[in-house]
């Protein structure tokens, strides 16, 4: 009797029953590669904290090597880098109505919103700032 009830429940759920899904790599994706639609597929497994749809990762940059068949998580990807290591960038510091703009050398790669260290070329001091949409570095402490 219990088997019949269980079978009835399973059949009632039918093929339309939704299973949890997780996004996995279809091939090995190298670090710094931009993720394309053909690089990912949806797997019928639920892994908490991992991405579930291609729209969440397509166009993002791989931060680490992502091996084929491996689930893709938030720490594996990020926005594409606008600033490369050793690149000369503009540093901007803004406090109230005062704005200071100078050149610096990036000490690391970074995408929009990433915190990077930059050496001020004029003073040789190292400051930290966030990468802006235009590729400039907004120095911490400014408005």
N, C-alpha and C. Protein backbone atom coordinates (compact mmCIF):
# COMPACT_ATOMS: atom_id res chain seq x y z
N UNK A 1 0.82 -1.20 0.00
CA UNK A 1 0.00 0.00 0.00
C UNK A 1 0.87 1.26 0.00
N UNK A 2 1.93 1.27 0.83
CA UNK A 2 2.80 2.45 0.89
C UNK A 2 3.51 2.68 -0.44
N UNK A 3 3.93 1.59 -1.08
CA UNK A 3 4.57 1.72 -2.39
C UNK A 3 3.63 2.34 -3.40
N UNK A 4 2.38 1.94 -3.37
CA UNK A 4 1.39 2.48 -4.30
C UNK A 4 1.20 3.98 -4.09
N UNK A 5 1.16 4.38 -2.82
CA UNK A 5 1.00 5.81 -2.51
C UNK A 5 2.24 6.59 -2.97
N UNK A 6 3.42 6.04 -2.68
CA UNK A 6 4.66 6.68 -3.10
C UNK A 6 4.74 6.78 -4.61
N UNK A 7 4.38 5.71 -5.31
CA UNK A 7 4.39 5.72 -6.76
C UNK A 7 3.40 6.75 -7.30
N UNK A 8 2.23 6.85 -6.69
CA UNK A 8 1.23 7.83 -7.11
C UNK A 8 1.76 9.26 -6.94
N UNK A 9 2.47 9.51 -5.84
CA UNK A 9 3.04 10.84 -5.62
C UNK A 9 4.11 11.17 -6.65
N UNK A 10 4.96 10.21 -6.95
CA UNK A 10 6.01 10.42 -7.93
C UNK A 10 5.41 10.68 -9.30
N UNK A 11 4.42 9.89 -9.69
CA UNK A 11 3.78 10.07 -10.99
C UNK A 11 3.01 11.39 -11.04
N UNK A 12 2.42 11.80 -9.93
CA UNK A 12 1.69 13.07 -9.89
C UNK A 12 2.64 14.24 -10.11
N UNK A 13 3.86 14.12 -9.59
CA UNK A 13 4.85 15.18 -9.80
C UNK A 13 5.20 15.25 -11.27
N UNK A 14 5.29 14.08 -11.90
CA UNK A 14 5.48 13.98 -13.34
C UNK A 14 6.76 14.59 -13.85
N UNK A 15 6.91 14.64 -15.18
CA UNK A 15 8.13 15.17 -15.78
C UNK A 15 8.27 16.67 -15.59
N UNK A 16 7.20 17.35 -15.22
CA UNK A 16 7.27 18.79 -15.03
C UNK A 16 7.85 19.20 -13.69
N UNK A 17 8.17 18.23 -12.85
CA UNK A 17 8.72 18.55 -11.53
C UNK A 17 10.08 19.19 -11.71
N UNK A 18 10.26 20.30 -11.08
CA UNK A 18 11.51 21.05 -11.23
C UNK A 18 12.59 20.52 -10.31
N UNK A 19 13.73 20.26 -10.88
CA UNK A 19 14.90 19.88 -10.09
C UNK A 19 15.78 21.11 -9.97
N UNK A 20 16.53 21.18 -8.91
CA UNK A 20 17.46 22.29 -8.74
C UNK A 20 18.57 22.17 -9.79
N UNK A 21 19.11 23.29 -10.20
CA UNK A 21 20.13 23.29 -11.24
C UNK A 21 21.35 24.07 -10.78
N UNK A 22 22.48 23.72 -11.35
CA UNK A 22 23.74 24.39 -11.07
C UNK A 22 24.46 24.59 -12.39
N UNK A 23 25.14 25.70 -12.53
CA UNK A 23 25.89 26.02 -13.74
C UNK A 23 27.28 25.40 -13.66
N UNK A 24 27.69 24.69 -14.71
CA UNK A 24 29.03 24.07 -14.75
C UNK A 24 29.73 24.46 -16.06
N UNK A 25 31.05 24.38 -16.03
CA UNK A 25 31.86 24.70 -17.22
C UNK A 25 31.81 23.53 -18.19
N UNK A 26 31.70 23.83 -19.49
CA UNK A 26 31.71 22.78 -20.52
C UNK A 26 33.13 22.45 -20.95
N UNK A 27 34.06 23.34 -20.68
CA UNK A 27 35.47 23.14 -21.01
C UNK A 27 36.29 23.83 -19.95
N UNK A 28 37.59 23.62 -19.95
CA UNK A 28 38.46 24.32 -19.00
C UNK A 28 38.57 25.78 -19.43
N UNK A 29 38.28 26.67 -18.50
CA UNK A 29 38.34 28.12 -18.76
C UNK A 29 39.55 28.65 -18.03
N UNK A 30 40.45 29.26 -18.77
CA UNK A 30 41.69 29.80 -18.17
C UNK A 30 41.41 31.09 -17.41
N UNK A 31 42.25 31.38 -16.41
CA UNK A 31 42.10 32.67 -15.71
C UNK A 31 42.25 33.83 -16.70
N UNK A 32 41.49 34.88 -16.48
CA UNK A 32 41.48 36.10 -17.27
C UNK A 32 40.72 35.94 -18.59
N UNK A 33 40.12 34.78 -18.85
CA UNK A 33 39.32 34.59 -20.06
C UNK A 33 37.90 35.09 -19.80
N UNK A 34 37.31 35.70 -20.83
CA UNK A 34 35.92 36.15 -20.74
C UNK A 34 35.03 34.93 -21.00
N UNK A 35 34.03 34.72 -20.15
CA UNK A 35 33.16 33.56 -20.26
C UNK A 35 32.11 33.81 -21.34
N UNK A 36 32.04 32.88 -22.29
CA UNK A 36 31.11 32.94 -23.41
C UNK A 36 29.95 31.96 -23.17
N UNK A 37 28.82 32.12 -23.88
CA UNK A 37 27.68 31.21 -23.68
C UNK A 37 28.02 29.74 -23.88
N UNK A 38 28.91 29.43 -24.83
CA UNK A 38 29.25 28.03 -25.09
C UNK A 38 30.18 27.44 -24.03
N UNK A 39 30.67 28.25 -23.12
CA UNK A 39 31.59 27.78 -22.07
C UNK A 39 30.86 27.17 -20.87
N UNK A 40 29.53 27.35 -20.80
CA UNK A 40 28.79 26.90 -19.63
C UNK A 40 27.54 26.11 -20.02
N UNK A 41 27.09 25.28 -19.11
CA UNK A 41 25.84 24.53 -19.29
C UNK A 41 25.20 24.34 -17.93
N UNK A 42 23.92 24.02 -17.94
CA UNK A 42 23.18 23.81 -16.70
C UNK A 42 23.17 22.32 -16.39
N UNK A 43 23.50 21.98 -15.14
CA UNK A 43 23.52 20.60 -14.67
C UNK A 43 22.35 20.38 -13.72
N UNK A 44 21.80 19.19 -13.72
CA UNK A 44 20.65 18.85 -12.87
C UNK A 44 21.08 18.49 -11.45
N UNK A 45 21.88 19.31 -10.83
CA UNK A 45 22.32 19.07 -9.46
C UNK A 45 22.24 20.39 -8.69
N UNK A 46 21.90 20.29 -7.43
CA UNK A 46 21.83 21.50 -6.61
C UNK A 46 23.05 21.58 -5.73
N UNK A 47 23.82 22.65 -5.92
CA UNK A 47 24.98 22.91 -5.07
C UNK A 47 24.80 24.32 -4.53
N UNK A 48 24.53 24.45 -3.25
CA UNK A 48 24.26 25.76 -2.66
C UNK A 48 25.40 26.76 -2.90
N UNK A 49 25.03 27.99 -3.21
CA UNK A 49 26.02 29.05 -3.37
C UNK A 49 26.61 29.15 -4.76
N UNK A 50 26.24 28.26 -5.66
CA UNK A 50 26.77 28.28 -7.02
C UNK A 50 25.77 28.95 -7.95
N UNK A 51 26.23 29.42 -9.10
CA UNK A 51 25.35 30.06 -10.08
C UNK A 51 24.41 29.03 -10.69
N UNK A 52 23.24 29.51 -11.14
CA UNK A 52 22.24 28.60 -11.69
C UNK A 52 21.84 28.92 -13.13
N UNK A 53 22.14 30.13 -13.62
CA UNK A 53 21.77 30.48 -14.99
C UNK A 53 22.96 31.08 -15.73
N UNK A 54 23.05 30.83 -17.03
CA UNK A 54 24.16 31.37 -17.82
C UNK A 54 24.23 32.91 -17.80
N UNK A 55 23.10 33.57 -17.71
CA UNK A 55 23.08 35.04 -17.72
C UNK A 55 23.89 35.63 -16.56
N UNK A 56 24.05 34.88 -15.49
CA UNK A 56 24.80 35.38 -14.33
C UNK A 56 26.30 35.43 -14.57
N UNK A 57 26.82 34.63 -15.52
CA UNK A 57 28.27 34.54 -15.70
C UNK A 57 28.78 34.94 -17.08
N UNK A 58 27.93 34.89 -18.10
CA UNK A 58 28.39 35.23 -19.45
C UNK A 58 28.82 36.69 -19.48
N UNK A 59 30.02 36.93 -20.02
CA UNK A 59 30.57 38.28 -20.08
C UNK A 59 31.48 38.61 -18.91
N UNK A 60 31.49 37.75 -17.90
CA UNK A 60 32.37 37.95 -16.75
C UNK A 60 33.74 37.34 -17.06
N UNK A 61 34.73 37.69 -16.24
CA UNK A 61 36.08 37.18 -16.42
C UNK A 61 36.38 36.11 -15.38
N UNK A 62 37.00 35.02 -15.82
CA UNK A 62 37.40 33.98 -14.88
C UNK A 62 38.57 34.49 -14.05
N UNK A 63 38.46 34.40 -12.74
CA UNK A 63 39.53 34.83 -11.83
C UNK A 63 40.50 33.69 -11.53
N UNK A 64 40.03 32.46 -11.70
CA UNK A 64 40.83 31.25 -11.48
C UNK A 64 40.56 30.30 -12.63
N UNK A 65 41.34 29.23 -12.73
CA UNK A 65 41.07 28.19 -13.72
C UNK A 65 39.79 27.46 -13.31
N UNK A 66 38.86 27.34 -14.24
CA UNK A 66 37.60 26.63 -13.99
C UNK A 66 37.62 25.40 -14.88
N UNK A 67 37.71 24.24 -14.28
CA UNK A 67 37.85 23.00 -15.04
C UNK A 67 36.51 22.48 -15.53
N UNK A 68 36.53 21.78 -16.66
CA UNK A 68 35.31 21.23 -17.27
C UNK A 68 34.54 20.38 -16.26
N UNK A 69 33.23 20.59 -16.20
CA UNK A 69 32.38 19.85 -15.30
C UNK A 69 32.30 20.39 -13.89
N UNK A 70 33.12 21.41 -13.60
CA UNK A 70 33.15 21.99 -12.24
C UNK A 70 32.08 23.08 -12.11
N UNK A 71 31.37 23.13 -10.99
CA UNK A 71 30.39 24.20 -10.76
C UNK A 71 31.10 25.56 -10.69
N UNK A 72 30.40 26.60 -11.07
CA UNK A 72 30.96 27.95 -11.07
C UNK A 72 30.35 28.74 -9.93
N UNK A 73 31.22 29.27 -9.06
CA UNK A 73 30.77 30.02 -7.89
C UNK A 73 31.18 31.49 -7.98
N UNK A 74 30.66 32.31 -7.08
CA UNK A 74 30.95 33.75 -7.09
C UNK A 74 32.42 34.11 -6.97
N UNK A 75 33.21 33.31 -6.28
CA UNK A 75 34.64 33.64 -6.14
C UNK A 75 35.45 33.25 -7.37
N UNK A 76 34.85 32.53 -8.31
CA UNK A 76 35.55 32.09 -9.51
C UNK A 76 35.56 33.14 -10.62
N UNK A 77 34.63 34.08 -10.55
CA UNK A 77 34.49 35.06 -11.64
C UNK A 77 34.40 36.48 -11.08
N UNK A 78 34.52 37.45 -11.98
CA UNK A 78 34.38 38.85 -11.60
C UNK A 78 34.24 39.69 -12.86
N UNK A 79 34.07 40.98 -12.69
CA UNK A 79 33.96 41.83 -13.87
C UNK A 79 35.27 41.83 -14.66
N UNK A 80 35.19 42.00 -15.97
CA UNK A 80 36.42 42.04 -16.78
C UNK A 80 37.36 43.15 -16.31
N UNK A 81 38.65 42.86 -16.31
CA UNK A 81 39.65 43.83 -15.85
C UNK A 81 39.74 45.01 -16.82
N UNK A 82 39.75 46.20 -16.25
CA UNK A 82 39.98 47.43 -17.02
C UNK A 82 41.40 47.92 -16.84
N UNK A 83 42.02 47.46 -15.74
CA UNK A 83 43.37 47.91 -15.39
C UNK A 83 44.26 46.68 -15.27
N UNK A 84 45.41 46.72 -15.92
CA UNK A 84 46.38 45.63 -15.82
C UNK A 84 47.51 46.02 -14.89
N UNK A 85 48.19 45.03 -14.39
CA UNK A 85 49.36 45.27 -13.52
C UNK A 85 50.40 46.05 -14.31
N UNK A 86 51.02 47.02 -13.69
CA UNK A 86 52.05 47.91 -14.25
C UNK A 86 51.51 48.93 -15.25
N UNK A 87 50.22 48.97 -15.45
CA UNK A 87 49.63 49.96 -16.35
C UNK A 87 49.65 51.34 -15.70
N UNK A 88 49.92 52.37 -16.50
CA UNK A 88 49.85 53.74 -16.01
C UNK A 88 48.37 54.16 -16.02
N UNK A 89 47.90 54.62 -14.88
CA UNK A 89 46.49 54.99 -14.72
C UNK A 89 46.38 56.38 -14.11
N UNK A 90 45.22 56.98 -14.25
CA UNK A 90 44.97 58.27 -13.60
C UNK A 90 44.41 58.01 -12.21
N UNK A 91 45.00 58.66 -11.21
CA UNK A 91 44.51 58.61 -9.84
C UNK A 91 43.70 59.87 -9.58
N UNK A 92 42.52 59.73 -9.01
CA UNK A 92 41.74 60.91 -8.65
C UNK A 92 41.40 60.85 -7.17
N UNK A 93 41.59 61.97 -6.52
CA UNK A 93 41.25 62.12 -5.11
C UNK A 93 40.34 63.33 -5.03
N UNK A 94 39.17 63.15 -4.45
CA UNK A 94 38.21 64.24 -4.37
C UNK A 94 37.76 64.39 -2.93
N UNK A 95 37.88 65.59 -2.41
CA UNK A 95 37.44 65.89 -1.05
C UNK A 95 36.74 67.24 -1.11
N UNK A 96 35.41 67.21 -0.97
CA UNK A 96 34.64 68.45 -1.08
C UNK A 96 34.77 69.03 -2.48
N UNK A 97 35.19 70.29 -2.58
CA UNK A 97 35.34 70.93 -3.89
C UNK A 97 36.75 70.78 -4.45
N UNK A 98 37.63 70.10 -3.73
CA UNK A 98 39.01 69.93 -4.19
C UNK A 98 39.16 68.58 -4.88
N UNK A 99 39.76 68.61 -6.07
CA UNK A 99 40.04 67.38 -6.81
C UNK A 99 41.51 67.37 -7.20
N UNK A 100 42.19 66.28 -6.90
CA UNK A 100 43.59 66.11 -7.27
C UNK A 100 43.66 64.95 -8.26
N UNK A 101 44.32 65.19 -9.39
CA UNK A 101 44.48 64.16 -10.41
C UNK A 101 45.96 64.02 -10.71
N UNK A 102 46.45 62.78 -10.69
CA UNK A 102 47.85 62.51 -10.99
C UNK A 102 47.95 61.13 -11.62
N UNK A 103 49.14 60.77 -12.06
CA UNK A 103 49.35 59.46 -12.66
C UNK A 103 49.93 58.50 -11.64
N UNK A 104 49.60 57.22 -11.83
CA UNK A 104 50.13 56.18 -10.98
C UNK A 104 50.34 54.90 -11.77
N UNK A 105 51.03 53.96 -11.16
CA UNK A 105 51.28 52.66 -11.77
C UNK A 105 50.51 51.61 -10.96
N UNK A 106 49.61 50.89 -11.64
CA UNK A 106 48.80 49.87 -10.97
C UNK A 106 49.68 48.72 -10.50
N UNK A 107 49.47 48.26 -9.28
CA UNK A 107 50.23 47.16 -8.72
C UNK A 107 49.52 45.81 -8.93
N UNK A 108 48.29 45.85 -9.46
CA UNK A 108 47.52 44.62 -9.68
C UNK A 108 46.47 44.87 -10.77
N UNK A 109 45.88 43.79 -11.27
CA UNK A 109 44.78 43.88 -12.22
C UNK A 109 43.50 44.18 -11.46
N UNK A 110 42.53 44.79 -12.15
CA UNK A 110 41.26 45.03 -11.50
C UNK A 110 40.17 45.42 -12.47
N UNK A 111 38.95 45.03 -12.12
CA UNK A 111 37.76 45.40 -12.87
C UNK A 111 36.99 46.46 -12.12
N UNK A 112 35.89 46.88 -12.68
CA UNK A 112 35.07 47.93 -12.06
C UNK A 112 34.72 47.54 -10.63
N UNK A 113 35.02 48.43 -9.70
CA UNK A 113 34.71 48.21 -8.29
C UNK A 113 35.77 47.47 -7.50
N UNK A 114 36.78 46.95 -8.18
CA UNK A 114 37.85 46.23 -7.46
C UNK A 114 38.77 47.21 -6.76
N UNK A 115 39.25 46.82 -5.59
CA UNK A 115 40.22 47.61 -4.84
C UNK A 115 41.62 47.23 -5.31
N UNK A 116 42.40 48.21 -5.77
CA UNK A 116 43.76 47.95 -6.23
C UNK A 116 44.73 48.93 -5.58
N UNK A 117 45.97 48.49 -5.42
CA UNK A 117 47.03 49.37 -4.93
C UNK A 117 47.69 50.01 -6.13
N UNK A 118 48.05 51.28 -5.98
CA UNK A 118 48.66 52.04 -7.07
C UNK A 118 49.79 52.87 -6.49
N UNK A 119 50.94 52.90 -7.21
CA UNK A 119 52.05 53.74 -6.79
C UNK A 119 51.92 55.10 -7.48
N UNK A 120 51.83 56.16 -6.69
CA UNK A 120 51.80 57.51 -7.21
C UNK A 120 53.17 57.79 -7.84
N UNK A 121 53.20 58.13 -9.13
CA UNK A 121 54.48 58.33 -9.81
C UNK A 121 55.20 59.59 -9.36
N UNK A 122 54.45 60.59 -8.89
CA UNK A 122 55.08 61.84 -8.46
C UNK A 122 55.74 61.70 -7.09
N UNK A 123 55.06 61.04 -6.16
CA UNK A 123 55.58 60.96 -4.79
C UNK A 123 56.18 59.59 -4.45
N UNK A 124 55.99 58.61 -5.31
CA UNK A 124 56.45 57.23 -5.09
C UNK A 124 55.77 56.56 -3.89
N UNK A 125 54.68 57.14 -3.40
CA UNK A 125 53.94 56.52 -2.30
C UNK A 125 52.87 55.59 -2.89
N UNK A 126 52.49 54.60 -2.11
CA UNK A 126 51.48 53.64 -2.55
C UNK A 126 50.15 53.97 -1.89
N UNK A 127 49.09 54.03 -2.71
CA UNK A 127 47.75 54.31 -2.22
C UNK A 127 46.82 53.21 -2.73
N UNK A 128 45.65 53.13 -2.14
CA UNK A 128 44.65 52.16 -2.59
C UNK A 128 43.44 52.89 -3.10
N UNK A 129 42.80 52.32 -4.09
CA UNK A 129 41.60 52.94 -4.64
C UNK A 129 40.77 51.94 -5.41
N UNK A 130 39.59 52.37 -5.79
CA UNK A 130 38.65 51.52 -6.52
C UNK A 130 38.67 51.87 -8.00
N UNK A 131 38.61 50.85 -8.84
CA UNK A 131 38.59 51.04 -10.28
C UNK A 131 37.21 51.58 -10.67
N UNK A 132 37.21 52.71 -11.39
CA UNK A 132 35.97 53.32 -11.87
C UNK A 132 35.63 52.79 -13.27
N UNK A 133 34.43 53.08 -13.73
CA UNK A 133 33.96 52.60 -15.04
C UNK A 133 34.85 53.07 -16.18
N UNK A 134 35.49 54.22 -16.03
CA UNK A 134 36.34 54.76 -17.09
C UNK A 134 37.80 54.32 -16.98
N UNK A 135 38.11 53.44 -16.02
CA UNK A 135 39.46 52.93 -15.87
C UNK A 135 40.36 53.76 -14.97
N UNK A 136 39.84 54.86 -14.44
CA UNK A 136 40.61 55.64 -13.48
C UNK A 136 40.51 54.99 -12.11
N UNK A 137 41.39 55.37 -11.20
CA UNK A 137 41.38 54.84 -9.84
C UNK A 137 40.92 55.95 -8.91
N UNK A 138 39.85 55.72 -8.18
CA UNK A 138 39.34 56.66 -7.20
C UNK A 138 39.98 56.32 -5.87
N UNK A 139 40.85 57.21 -5.39
CA UNK A 139 41.62 56.95 -4.18
C UNK A 139 40.71 56.95 -2.96
N UNK A 140 40.95 56.00 -2.07
CA UNK A 140 40.17 55.88 -0.84
C UNK A 140 40.38 57.14 0.00
N UNK A 141 39.31 57.61 0.60
CA UNK A 141 39.37 58.82 1.44
C UNK A 141 38.72 59.99 0.74
N UNK A 142 38.57 59.88 -0.58
CA UNK A 142 37.90 60.93 -1.33
C UNK A 142 36.40 60.70 -1.35
N UNK A 143 35.63 61.71 -1.74
CA UNK A 143 34.17 61.58 -1.82
C UNK A 143 33.75 61.08 -3.17
